[in-house]
N, C-alpha and C. Protein backbone atom coordinates (compact mmCIF):
# COMPACT_ATOMS: atom_id res chain seq x y z
N GLN A 1 3.01 26.00 3.64
CA GLN A 1 2.39 25.07 4.56
C GLN A 1 2.03 25.81 5.84
N ARG A 2 0.84 25.58 6.33
CA ARG A 2 0.43 26.31 7.53
C ARG A 2 1.08 25.74 8.77
N ALA A 3 1.15 26.57 9.80
CA ALA A 3 1.80 26.17 11.05
C ALA A 3 0.92 25.17 11.79
N CYS A 4 1.54 24.39 12.64
CA CYS A 4 0.79 23.41 13.42
C CYS A 4 -0.01 24.09 14.51
N ALA A 5 -1.12 23.48 14.85
CA ALA A 5 -2.06 24.14 15.74
C ALA A 5 -1.84 23.87 17.22
N LEU A 6 -1.22 22.76 17.59
CA LEU A 6 -1.23 22.40 19.00
C LEU A 6 -0.19 23.10 19.86
N TRP A 7 1.04 23.17 19.41
CA TRP A 7 2.11 23.79 20.18
C TRP A 7 2.92 24.71 19.30
N PRO A 8 3.52 25.76 19.88
CA PRO A 8 4.48 26.54 19.09
C PRO A 8 5.71 25.67 18.80
N PRO A 9 6.45 25.96 17.73
CA PRO A 9 7.59 25.11 17.35
C PRO A 9 8.59 24.84 18.46
N SER A 10 8.93 25.84 19.27
CA SER A 10 9.93 25.63 20.31
C SER A 10 9.42 24.62 21.34
N SER A 11 8.13 24.63 21.64
CA SER A 11 7.57 23.66 22.58
C SER A 11 7.59 22.26 22.01
N ARG A 12 7.35 22.12 20.70
CA ARG A 12 7.39 20.81 20.07
C ARG A 12 8.78 20.22 20.18
N ARG A 13 9.78 21.01 19.86
CA ARG A 13 11.15 20.51 19.94
C ARG A 13 11.49 20.12 21.38
N ALA A 14 11.05 20.92 22.34
CA ALA A 14 11.32 20.60 23.74
C ALA A 14 10.67 19.27 24.12
N ALA A 15 9.44 19.05 23.66
CA ALA A 15 8.76 17.80 23.98
C ALA A 15 9.47 16.62 23.35
N MET A 16 10.07 16.85 22.19
CA MET A 16 10.76 15.76 21.48
C MET A 16 12.10 15.42 22.12
N THR A 17 12.79 16.43 22.67
CA THR A 17 14.17 16.19 23.06
C THR A 17 14.42 16.23 24.56
N THR A 18 13.73 17.07 25.31
CA THR A 18 14.12 17.24 26.70
C THR A 18 13.13 16.66 27.70
N ARG A 19 11.83 16.80 27.46
CA ARG A 19 10.85 16.30 28.42
C ARG A 19 10.59 14.82 28.17
N PRO A 20 10.63 14.03 29.22
CA PRO A 20 10.32 12.63 28.99
C PRO A 20 8.86 12.47 28.54
N GLY A 21 7.90 13.04 29.27
CA GLY A 21 6.49 13.04 28.89
C GLY A 21 5.96 11.66 28.53
N SER A 22 4.73 11.61 28.15
CA SER A 22 4.12 10.34 27.75
C SER A 22 4.43 10.05 26.29
N ALA A 23 4.25 8.82 25.92
CA ALA A 23 4.48 8.42 24.52
C ALA A 23 3.51 9.14 23.60
N ALA A 24 2.28 9.36 24.07
CA ALA A 24 1.28 10.04 23.23
C ALA A 24 1.70 11.48 22.94
N ILE A 25 2.27 12.15 23.93
CA ILE A 25 2.73 13.54 23.72
C ILE A 25 3.91 13.55 22.75
N ARG A 26 4.84 12.61 22.91
CA ARG A 26 5.97 12.54 21.98
C ARG A 26 5.49 12.24 20.56
N ARG A 27 4.53 11.30 20.42
CA ARG A 27 4.01 10.97 19.10
C ARG A 27 3.32 12.18 18.48
N ALA A 28 2.54 12.91 19.28
CA ALA A 28 1.86 14.11 18.76
C ALA A 28 2.88 15.14 18.29
N ALA A 29 3.96 15.30 19.04
CA ALA A 29 5.00 16.25 18.64
C ALA A 29 5.68 15.80 17.34
N GLU A 30 5.95 14.49 17.22
CA GLU A 30 6.55 13.97 15.99
C GLU A 30 5.64 14.21 14.79
N ILE A 31 4.36 13.96 14.98
CA ILE A 31 3.40 14.14 13.89
C ILE A 31 3.32 15.61 13.49
N GLU A 32 3.31 16.49 14.45
CA GLU A 32 3.26 17.92 14.12
C GLU A 32 4.51 18.37 13.38
N LEU A 33 5.66 17.84 13.75
CA LEU A 33 6.89 18.18 13.03
C LEU A 33 6.84 17.67 11.59
N LEU A 34 6.33 16.47 11.41
CA LEU A 34 6.17 15.92 10.06
C LEU A 34 5.20 16.78 9.25
N PHE A 35 4.11 17.18 9.87
CA PHE A 35 3.11 18.02 9.20
C PHE A 35 3.74 19.35 8.78
N ALA A 36 4.52 19.93 9.67
CA ALA A 36 5.17 21.21 9.37
C ALA A 36 6.17 21.08 8.23
N ALA A 37 6.74 19.88 8.05
CA ALA A 37 7.72 19.67 6.98
C ALA A 37 7.07 19.68 5.60
N GLY A 38 5.78 19.41 5.53
CA GLY A 38 5.09 19.39 4.24
C GLY A 38 4.99 17.98 3.69
N PRO A 39 4.10 17.77 2.70
CA PRO A 39 3.81 16.42 2.21
C PRO A 39 5.03 15.66 1.66
N ARG A 40 5.76 16.25 0.74
CA ARG A 40 6.87 15.52 0.09
C ARG A 40 7.99 15.20 1.07
N ARG A 41 8.34 16.17 1.89
CA ARG A 41 9.44 15.94 2.84
C ARG A 41 9.02 14.92 3.91
N ALA A 42 7.78 15.02 4.37
CA ALA A 42 7.29 14.05 5.36
C ALA A 42 7.30 12.64 4.77
N ALA A 43 6.89 12.52 3.50
CA ALA A 43 6.88 11.21 2.85
C ALA A 43 8.28 10.62 2.80
N GLN A 44 9.27 11.44 2.52
CA GLN A 44 10.65 10.95 2.48
C GLN A 44 11.09 10.48 3.86
N GLN A 45 10.70 11.24 4.90
CA GLN A 45 11.10 10.88 6.26
C GLN A 45 10.40 9.62 6.75
N LEU A 46 9.22 9.33 6.20
CA LEU A 46 8.42 8.20 6.67
C LEU A 46 8.63 6.91 5.88
N ARG A 47 9.56 6.89 4.95
CA ARG A 47 9.74 5.70 4.11
C ARG A 47 9.94 4.43 4.91
N LYS A 48 10.62 4.51 6.04
CA LYS A 48 10.87 3.32 6.85
C LYS A 48 10.11 3.36 8.18
N GLN A 49 9.20 4.30 8.32
CA GLN A 49 8.43 4.42 9.57
C GLN A 49 6.95 4.40 9.25
N HIS A 50 6.50 3.35 8.60
CA HIS A 50 5.12 3.27 8.13
C HIS A 50 4.10 3.31 9.27
N SER A 51 4.51 2.94 10.47
CA SER A 51 3.56 2.92 11.59
C SER A 51 3.06 4.32 11.95
N ARG A 52 3.77 5.36 11.55
CA ARG A 52 3.36 6.73 11.88
C ARG A 52 2.40 7.33 10.84
N VAL A 53 2.28 6.72 9.69
CA VAL A 53 1.44 7.26 8.62
C VAL A 53 -0.02 7.42 9.05
N PRO A 54 -0.65 6.43 9.72
CA PRO A 54 -2.04 6.64 10.13
C PRO A 54 -2.23 7.83 11.06
N TYR A 55 -1.27 8.05 11.97
CA TYR A 55 -1.36 9.19 12.89
C TYR A 55 -1.24 10.51 12.12
N LEU A 56 -0.31 10.54 11.17
CA LEU A 56 -0.14 11.75 10.37
C LEU A 56 -1.39 12.02 9.54
N MET A 57 -1.95 10.98 8.91
CA MET A 57 -3.13 11.20 8.09
C MET A 57 -4.33 11.63 8.94
N ALA A 58 -4.45 11.11 10.15
CA ALA A 58 -5.53 11.57 11.04
C ALA A 58 -5.36 13.06 11.33
N PHE A 59 -4.13 13.48 11.57
CA PHE A 59 -3.84 14.89 11.81
C PHE A 59 -4.17 15.72 10.56
N VAL A 60 -3.78 15.22 9.39
CA VAL A 60 -4.04 15.91 8.13
C VAL A 60 -5.55 16.06 7.91
N PHE A 61 -6.31 14.98 8.11
CA PHE A 61 -7.76 15.04 7.93
C PHE A 61 -8.40 16.07 8.86
N GLU A 62 -7.84 16.19 10.04
CA GLU A 62 -8.40 17.13 11.01
C GLU A 62 -8.06 18.58 10.70
N HIS A 63 -6.92 18.83 10.10
CA HIS A 63 -6.43 20.20 9.96
C HIS A 63 -6.36 20.72 8.53
N CYS A 64 -6.71 19.94 7.55
CA CYS A 64 -6.50 20.36 6.16
C CYS A 64 -7.81 20.40 5.36
N THR A 65 -7.76 21.15 4.28
CA THR A 65 -8.86 21.18 3.33
C THR A 65 -8.76 19.94 2.43
N LEU A 66 -9.80 19.66 1.67
CA LEU A 66 -9.80 18.48 0.81
C LEU A 66 -8.66 18.48 -0.21
N PRO A 67 -8.37 19.61 -0.90
CA PRO A 67 -7.21 19.59 -1.82
C PRO A 67 -5.89 19.31 -1.10
N GLU A 68 -5.76 19.80 0.12
CA GLU A 68 -4.53 19.53 0.88
C GLU A 68 -4.46 18.05 1.27
N VAL A 69 -5.59 17.46 1.63
CA VAL A 69 -5.63 16.03 1.96
C VAL A 69 -5.20 15.22 0.75
N ARG A 70 -5.65 15.63 -0.44
CA ARG A 70 -5.25 14.94 -1.68
C ARG A 70 -3.74 15.02 -1.89
N ASP A 71 -3.17 16.21 -1.67
CA ASP A 71 -1.72 16.37 -1.82
C ASP A 71 -0.97 15.46 -0.85
N TRP A 72 -1.43 15.42 0.40
CA TRP A 72 -0.79 14.56 1.39
C TRP A 72 -0.92 13.09 1.00
N SER A 73 -2.10 12.69 0.56
CA SER A 73 -2.33 11.30 0.17
C SER A 73 -1.42 10.89 -0.98
N GLU A 74 -1.33 11.75 -2.00
CA GLU A 74 -0.45 11.46 -3.14
C GLU A 74 1.00 11.36 -2.70
N ALA A 75 1.42 12.26 -1.85
CA ALA A 75 2.82 12.26 -1.40
C ALA A 75 3.15 10.98 -0.63
N LEU A 76 2.21 10.52 0.20
CA LEU A 76 2.48 9.33 1.00
C LEU A 76 2.31 8.04 0.20
N LEU A 77 1.40 8.03 -0.76
CA LEU A 77 1.21 6.84 -1.58
C LEU A 77 2.26 6.67 -2.66
N PHE A 78 2.74 7.79 -3.20
CA PHE A 78 3.69 7.76 -4.31
C PHE A 78 4.92 8.60 -3.97
N PRO A 79 5.69 8.24 -2.93
CA PRO A 79 6.82 9.07 -2.54
C PRO A 79 7.89 9.13 -3.63
N GLY A 80 8.23 10.33 -4.02
CA GLY A 80 9.28 10.53 -5.01
C GLY A 80 8.90 10.15 -6.42
N ALA A 81 7.62 9.95 -6.69
CA ALA A 81 7.20 9.55 -8.03
C ALA A 81 6.00 10.37 -8.47
N ASP A 82 5.78 10.36 -9.76
CA ASP A 82 4.62 11.04 -10.32
C ASP A 82 3.42 10.10 -10.17
N PRO A 83 2.35 10.55 -9.49
CA PRO A 83 1.19 9.68 -9.28
C PRO A 83 0.60 9.14 -10.58
N ALA A 84 0.56 9.94 -11.62
CA ALA A 84 -0.03 9.49 -12.89
C ALA A 84 0.77 8.31 -13.47
N GLU A 85 2.10 8.37 -13.38
CA GLU A 85 2.94 7.27 -13.88
C GLU A 85 2.72 6.00 -13.06
N CYS A 86 2.65 6.15 -11.75
CA CYS A 86 2.43 4.98 -10.89
C CYS A 86 1.08 4.34 -11.17
N LEU A 87 0.05 5.15 -11.30
CA LEU A 87 -1.28 4.62 -11.58
C LEU A 87 -1.34 3.94 -12.94
N GLU A 88 -0.62 4.48 -13.91
CA GLU A 88 -0.59 3.86 -15.24
C GLU A 88 0.09 2.48 -15.16
N SER A 89 1.17 2.39 -14.38
CA SER A 89 1.85 1.10 -14.26
C SER A 89 0.95 0.08 -13.54
N LEU A 90 0.12 0.55 -12.60
CA LEU A 90 -0.81 -0.36 -11.94
C LEU A 90 -1.93 -0.79 -12.88
N ARG A 91 -2.31 0.08 -13.80
CA ARG A 91 -3.38 -0.23 -14.74
C ARG A 91 -3.00 -1.43 -15.62
N VAL A 92 -1.71 -1.59 -15.86
CA VAL A 92 -1.23 -2.71 -16.69
C VAL A 92 -1.59 -4.03 -16.03
N CYS A 93 -1.53 -4.09 -14.71
CA CYS A 93 -1.92 -5.29 -13.97
C CYS A 93 -3.42 -5.24 -13.80
N ARG A 94 -4.13 -5.63 -14.81
CA ARG A 94 -5.58 -5.45 -14.80
C ARG A 94 -6.32 -6.76 -14.58
N ALA A 95 -7.60 -6.68 -14.64
CA ALA A 95 -8.49 -7.80 -14.33
C ALA A 95 -8.34 -8.93 -15.34
N PRO A 96 -8.99 -10.05 -15.07
CA PRO A 96 -8.94 -11.19 -15.99
C PRO A 96 -9.34 -10.78 -17.40
N GLY A 97 -8.82 -11.53 -18.35
CA GLY A 97 -9.08 -11.20 -19.74
C GLY A 97 -7.93 -10.39 -20.31
N HIS A 98 -6.90 -10.18 -19.49
CA HIS A 98 -5.74 -9.42 -19.93
C HIS A 98 -5.00 -10.18 -21.03
N THR A 99 -4.18 -9.46 -21.74
CA THR A 99 -3.34 -10.13 -22.73
C THR A 99 -2.26 -10.86 -21.97
N ALA A 100 -1.34 -11.50 -22.61
CA ALA A 100 -0.40 -12.41 -21.96
C ALA A 100 0.46 -11.79 -20.87
N GLU A 101 0.07 -10.69 -20.33
CA GLU A 101 0.81 -10.09 -19.23
C GLU A 101 0.40 -10.75 -17.92
N PRO A 102 1.32 -10.86 -16.96
CA PRO A 102 0.95 -11.44 -15.67
C PRO A 102 -0.14 -10.63 -14.98
N CYS A 103 -1.01 -11.33 -14.26
CA CYS A 103 -2.09 -10.67 -13.52
C CYS A 103 -1.48 -9.85 -12.38
N CYS A 104 -0.53 -10.40 -11.68
CA CYS A 104 0.22 -9.77 -10.58
C CYS A 104 -0.68 -9.25 -9.45
N ARG A 105 -1.84 -9.84 -9.29
CA ARG A 105 -2.73 -9.45 -8.20
C ARG A 105 -2.16 -9.98 -6.89
N ILE A 106 -2.10 -9.10 -5.88
CA ILE A 106 -1.62 -9.52 -4.57
C ILE A 106 -2.76 -10.24 -3.85
N LEU A 107 -2.48 -11.45 -3.39
CA LEU A 107 -3.49 -12.28 -2.74
C LEU A 107 -3.45 -12.05 -1.23
N LYS A 108 -4.60 -11.81 -0.67
CA LYS A 108 -4.71 -11.57 0.77
C LYS A 108 -4.85 -12.89 1.51
N PRO A 109 -4.36 -12.96 2.75
CA PRO A 109 -4.54 -14.19 3.53
C PRO A 109 -6.03 -14.55 3.63
N GLY A 110 -6.33 -15.82 3.41
CA GLY A 110 -7.71 -16.29 3.48
C GLY A 110 -8.45 -16.23 2.15
N GLU A 111 -7.85 -15.62 1.13
CA GLU A 111 -8.50 -15.51 -0.17
C GLU A 111 -8.46 -16.86 -0.90
N THR A 112 -9.48 -17.13 -1.70
CA THR A 112 -9.56 -18.38 -2.45
C THR A 112 -8.64 -18.33 -3.66
N ILE A 113 -7.83 -19.39 -3.81
CA ILE A 113 -6.97 -19.53 -4.99
C ILE A 113 -7.15 -20.93 -5.55
N TYR A 114 -6.67 -21.13 -6.75
CA TYR A 114 -6.79 -22.42 -7.42
C TYR A 114 -5.41 -22.90 -7.85
N HIS A 115 -5.21 -24.22 -7.70
CA HIS A 115 -4.02 -24.90 -8.21
C HIS A 115 -4.53 -25.87 -9.28
N CYS A 116 -4.05 -25.75 -10.50
CA CYS A 116 -4.44 -26.67 -11.57
C CYS A 116 -3.25 -27.59 -11.85
N ARG A 117 -3.34 -28.82 -11.40
CA ARG A 117 -2.24 -29.77 -11.58
C ARG A 117 -2.01 -30.11 -13.05
N THR A 118 -3.04 -29.98 -13.86
CA THR A 118 -2.91 -30.26 -15.29
C THR A 118 -2.06 -29.21 -15.98
N CYS A 119 -2.22 -27.96 -15.60
CA CYS A 119 -1.53 -26.84 -16.27
C CYS A 119 -0.17 -26.51 -15.67
N GLN A 120 0.00 -26.70 -14.39
CA GLN A 120 1.20 -26.18 -13.72
C GLN A 120 2.44 -27.04 -13.93
N ARG A 121 3.58 -26.37 -14.02
CA ARG A 121 4.89 -27.04 -14.05
C ARG A 121 5.53 -26.95 -12.68
N ASP A 122 5.07 -25.99 -11.87
CA ASP A 122 5.61 -25.75 -10.54
C ASP A 122 4.45 -25.94 -9.55
N GLN A 123 4.65 -26.77 -8.54
CA GLN A 123 3.55 -27.07 -7.62
C GLN A 123 3.12 -25.87 -6.78
N THR A 124 3.90 -24.81 -6.76
CA THR A 124 3.50 -23.61 -6.01
C THR A 124 2.68 -22.65 -6.86
N ALA A 125 2.53 -22.92 -8.14
CA ALA A 125 1.79 -22.03 -9.03
C ALA A 125 0.31 -22.00 -8.64
N ALA A 126 -0.22 -20.80 -8.54
CA ALA A 126 -1.62 -20.63 -8.16
C ALA A 126 -2.19 -19.42 -8.90
N VAL A 127 -3.51 -19.44 -9.08
CA VAL A 127 -4.18 -18.31 -9.72
C VAL A 127 -5.34 -17.86 -8.83
N CYS A 128 -5.63 -16.57 -8.90
CA CYS A 128 -6.75 -16.03 -8.15
C CYS A 128 -8.06 -16.53 -8.76
N ALA A 129 -9.13 -16.44 -8.00
CA ALA A 129 -10.43 -16.94 -8.46
C ALA A 129 -10.89 -16.28 -9.77
N PRO A 130 -10.80 -14.94 -9.92
CA PRO A 130 -11.24 -14.34 -11.19
C PRO A 130 -10.48 -14.88 -12.40
N CYS A 131 -9.17 -15.06 -12.30
CA CYS A 131 -8.38 -15.58 -13.42
C CYS A 131 -8.75 -17.03 -13.71
N PHE A 132 -8.92 -17.83 -12.65
CA PHE A 132 -9.27 -19.23 -12.85
C PHE A 132 -10.62 -19.36 -13.55
N LEU A 133 -11.60 -18.60 -13.10
CA LEU A 133 -12.94 -18.69 -13.67
C LEU A 133 -12.99 -18.16 -15.11
N GLU A 134 -12.08 -17.27 -15.45
CA GLU A 134 -12.02 -16.72 -16.81
C GLU A 134 -11.43 -17.73 -17.80
N ALA A 135 -10.54 -18.58 -17.29
CA ALA A 135 -9.87 -19.56 -18.16
C ALA A 135 -10.70 -20.85 -18.23
N ASP A 136 -10.37 -21.70 -19.19
CA ASP A 136 -11.09 -22.97 -19.35
C ASP A 136 -10.27 -24.10 -18.75
N HIS A 137 -10.69 -24.57 -17.58
CA HIS A 137 -10.02 -25.68 -16.92
C HIS A 137 -10.94 -26.91 -16.83
N SER A 138 -11.93 -26.97 -17.71
CA SER A 138 -12.85 -28.12 -17.66
C SER A 138 -12.07 -29.40 -17.98
N GLY A 139 -12.33 -30.44 -17.17
CA GLY A 139 -11.65 -31.71 -17.34
C GLY A 139 -10.26 -31.73 -16.72
N HIS A 140 -9.80 -30.64 -16.13
CA HIS A 140 -8.47 -30.59 -15.51
C HIS A 140 -8.53 -31.07 -14.07
N ASP A 141 -7.37 -31.45 -13.57
CA ASP A 141 -7.22 -31.85 -12.17
C ASP A 141 -6.82 -30.60 -11.38
N TYR A 142 -7.77 -29.99 -10.69
CA TYR A 142 -7.50 -28.76 -9.93
C TYR A 142 -8.12 -28.85 -8.55
N HIS A 143 -7.64 -28.00 -7.65
CA HIS A 143 -8.25 -27.90 -6.33
C HIS A 143 -8.22 -26.45 -5.87
N MET A 144 -9.15 -26.16 -4.98
CA MET A 144 -9.31 -24.81 -4.45
C MET A 144 -8.81 -24.80 -3.00
N VAL A 145 -8.07 -23.74 -2.63
CA VAL A 145 -7.56 -23.61 -1.26
C VAL A 145 -7.66 -22.15 -0.82
N ARG A 146 -7.50 -21.94 0.47
CA ARG A 146 -7.40 -20.58 1.03
C ARG A 146 -5.91 -20.28 1.17
N THR A 147 -5.53 -19.12 0.69
CA THR A 147 -4.11 -18.77 0.68
C THR A 147 -3.69 -18.07 1.97
N GLY A 148 -2.41 -18.15 2.23
CA GLY A 148 -1.82 -17.39 3.32
C GLY A 148 -1.25 -16.08 2.81
N GLY A 149 -1.44 -15.80 1.53
CA GLY A 149 -0.89 -14.60 0.89
C GLY A 149 -0.13 -15.01 -0.35
N GLY A 150 0.36 -14.04 -1.07
CA GLY A 150 1.14 -14.33 -2.27
C GLY A 150 0.71 -13.49 -3.44
N CYS A 151 0.92 -14.02 -4.65
CA CYS A 151 0.66 -13.29 -5.87
C CYS A 151 0.08 -14.24 -6.91
N CYS A 152 -0.89 -13.77 -7.69
CA CYS A 152 -1.48 -14.59 -8.75
C CYS A 152 -0.43 -14.82 -9.84
N ASN A 153 -0.31 -16.07 -10.28
CA ASN A 153 0.67 -16.43 -11.31
C ASN A 153 0.09 -16.46 -12.71
N CYS A 154 -1.15 -16.06 -12.89
CA CYS A 154 -1.78 -16.10 -14.21
C CYS A 154 -1.01 -15.19 -15.18
N GLY A 155 -0.68 -15.72 -16.33
CA GLY A 155 0.03 -14.95 -17.34
C GLY A 155 1.54 -15.04 -17.22
N ASP A 156 2.04 -15.56 -16.09
CA ASP A 156 3.48 -15.74 -15.91
C ASP A 156 3.84 -17.10 -16.47
N GLU A 157 4.65 -17.12 -17.53
CA GLU A 157 4.95 -18.37 -18.24
C GLU A 157 5.82 -19.34 -17.46
N ARG A 158 6.60 -18.88 -16.49
CA ARG A 158 7.54 -19.75 -15.79
C ARG A 158 6.88 -20.92 -15.07
N PRO A 159 5.82 -20.72 -14.25
CA PRO A 159 5.27 -21.87 -13.53
C PRO A 159 4.25 -22.68 -14.32
N TRP A 160 3.92 -22.29 -15.57
CA TRP A 160 2.86 -22.97 -16.32
C TRP A 160 3.42 -23.70 -17.52
C-alpha cells in the first residue's frame, strides 16, 4: 500500500493525539491513517463508524488507480467476506417472477406498496409494486400506499 500524500506518519499521529486543531484536520488525519492501513484492515476498523466511509472513499478516488478503487470498494462493501459469495446470495433475491422464495426487496421511504386484504393474513403484509403487478389480484380488495420503509413480503408464506 502506498504512503499517504498529505502528511508524514509522525505528523498524522501528532494531529490525532496532541494538537487540538480543527475537526477537519483531525478527520483528514483519521482518513489518512485508515488509508495507510489498507482496504481490508480499514474495513474492519470502520464496521461501526459508517459516517467515515464517504470521506475515505473520496480520498481513495483522489489517490488511487481504478483497480485500487475496486479493491477498496469490495473491502468496504463486503467486509470479511468473499464478494462473489455475497453477490450470489443477493442474486437469489431477484425480481418478480421468482420461484416461491421471498422477494426480500428493501423498500425505500415514499415508495409505492400494495396491501391486498383478500390475500393477507397479517394486516402489516405488503408487497412492492413490481411483485403486485406480476401477480393476479383482479377482483381482490387491495389498496396502494406510500411506505415509510420496510421489506417486500412477496413469497413469504407467514403473512399470506
